[in-house]
Structure formats: C-alpha cells, structure tokens
Protein backbone atom coordinates (compact mmCIF):
# COMPACT_ATOMS: atom_id res chain seq x y z
CA MET A 1 11.90 19.91 -4.26
CA HIS A 2 9.05 19.59 -1.92
CA CYS A 3 8.43 15.80 -0.46
CA ARG A 4 6.00 14.27 2.31
CA TRP A 5 6.11 11.94 4.50
CA VAL A 6 3.87 9.13 4.73
CA LEU A 7 3.05 7.29 8.07
CA THR A 8 2.02 3.63 7.72
CA GLY A 9 0.80 1.06 10.14
CA GLY A 10 -0.70 0.78 13.49
CA GLY A 11 1.76 3.39 15.32
CA SER A 12 0.25 6.34 12.77
CA ARG A 13 -2.92 5.79 14.53
CA LEU A 14 -0.81 7.74 17.63
CA THR A 15 -2.53 10.44 18.84
CA GLY A 16 -0.46 13.79 17.48
CA ILE A 17 1.91 11.81 15.78
CA GLY A 18 1.38 13.62 12.68
CA GLU A 19 2.09 16.81 14.45
CA VAL A 20 5.19 15.38 16.04
CA CYS A 21 6.60 14.07 12.71
CA GLU A 22 5.81 17.49 11.65
CA ASP A 23 7.69 19.39 14.18
CA ILE A 24 10.59 16.82 13.91
CA LEU A 25 11.08 16.08 10.31
CA LYS A 26 10.14 20.11 9.12
CA ARG A 27 8.27 18.48 5.68
CA PRO A 28 4.36 17.53 5.56
CA VAL A 29 3.17 14.32 6.72
CA ARG A 30 0.00 12.51 5.87
CA LEU A 31 -1.68 9.32 7.56
CA ALA A 32 -2.47 6.25 5.03
CA SER A 33 -4.84 3.55 4.76
CA PRO A 34 -4.78 0.73 2.24
CA LEU A 35 -6.40 1.22 -0.77
CA PRO A 36 -9.32 -0.97 -1.27
CA ILE A 37 -8.99 -4.51 -3.44
CA ALA A 38 -11.93 -6.61 -4.85
CA LYS A 39 -13.28 -8.59 -2.06
CA MET A 40 -11.01 -7.49 0.41
CA PRO A 41 -12.60 -7.48 3.71
CA ALA A 42 -13.06 -4.27 5.02
CA GLN A 43 -11.53 -4.73 8.27
CA LEU A 44 -8.28 -4.49 6.43
CA ALA A 45 -8.74 -0.66 4.50
CA GLU A 46 -7.15 -0.09 8.32
CA PRO A 47 -3.78 1.67 9.00
CA GLU A 48 -2.43 -1.42 11.06
CA PHE A 49 -2.46 -3.57 7.50
CA SER A 50 -1.44 -1.34 5.26
CA ASP A 51 2.12 -2.83 5.44
CA PRO A 52 1.03 -6.24 4.95
CA VAL A 53 -1.51 -5.54 1.98
CA GLY A 54 1.11 -3.12 0.46
CA LEU A 55 3.55 -6.20 0.52
CA ALA A 56 1.01 -8.97 -0.78
CA MET A 57 -0.38 -6.51 -3.85
CA TYR A 58 3.82 -6.17 -4.75
CA ALA A 59 4.42 -9.66 -4.61
CA HIS A 60 1.77 -10.41 -6.63
CA ARG A 61 2.72 -7.61 -9.00
CA THR A 62 6.37 -8.62 -9.26
CA THR A 63 5.34 -12.22 -9.43
CA VAL A 64 2.90 -11.43 -12.73
CA ALA A 65 5.26 -9.49 -14.40
CA LYS A 66 8.15 -11.90 -13.93
CA MET A 67 5.81 -14.51 -15.24
CA THR A 68 4.87 -12.44 -18.66
CA GLN A 69 8.54 -11.84 -19.32
CA ASP A 70 9.44 -15.14 -19.07
CA ARG A 71 6.30 -16.19 -21.26
CA GLY A 72 6.75 -13.83 -23.49
CA TRP A 73 3.10 -13.22 -23.68
CA VAL A 74 0.72 -10.71 -21.32
CA GLN A 75 -1.98 -12.32 -18.78
CA THR A 76 -5.47 -10.86 -18.72
CA ALA A 77 -7.66 -12.51 -16.23
CA GLY A 78 -4.89 -13.34 -13.62
CA LEU A 79 -5.47 -12.37 -9.88
CA ALA A 80 -4.96 -9.03 -10.34
CA ASP A 81 -7.94 -8.88 -12.59
CA ARG A 82 -9.72 -10.35 -9.88
CA LEU A 83 -8.37 -8.20 -6.83
CA GLY A 84 -9.33 -5.07 -8.37
CA ALA A 85 -5.34 -4.14 -8.91
C-alpha cells in the first residue's frame, strides 16, 4: 500500500521542509492549503489557515448531520449550501 503524508499549517512553508520530511519518513509528502469556500476571504486559502478552516468545516458538517438525524429530515438550504461545501 502506498501512502503519502500531507503537511499543513504555517510550518509547511518552511524552505525545504517537504524534502526533509520525505527523507525522514521515506514516503512522498505534499503541502496543502485549504480549499476555497464560497465567500471565504482569499487570505484564508493559505497553508497557515488549513487547520482552523478544516475544523470549522468539520464542526459544521457534523452539526448538520446530527440535526438531520435528530429531526429525521434532510436539510437542503443551510450553511453548507451558502458556503459552497
């Protein structure tokens, strides 16, 4: 099985960090930035914001899923739609 490591956050901008990680981990490494969300300021699509943007998206998705499950219906026009998620 072939796996790859993903570096996120501001530290992923350090010069040469990808190569150092590949040498140590003996696996391919890629650098990641958050995927843009509708109406998200462009400044947040930088590596240093990948963790908070990802956590916010995760929190929203799990909240919507829980609400949908509790109410027994599918929410079609919510925050996820407005965010483009």
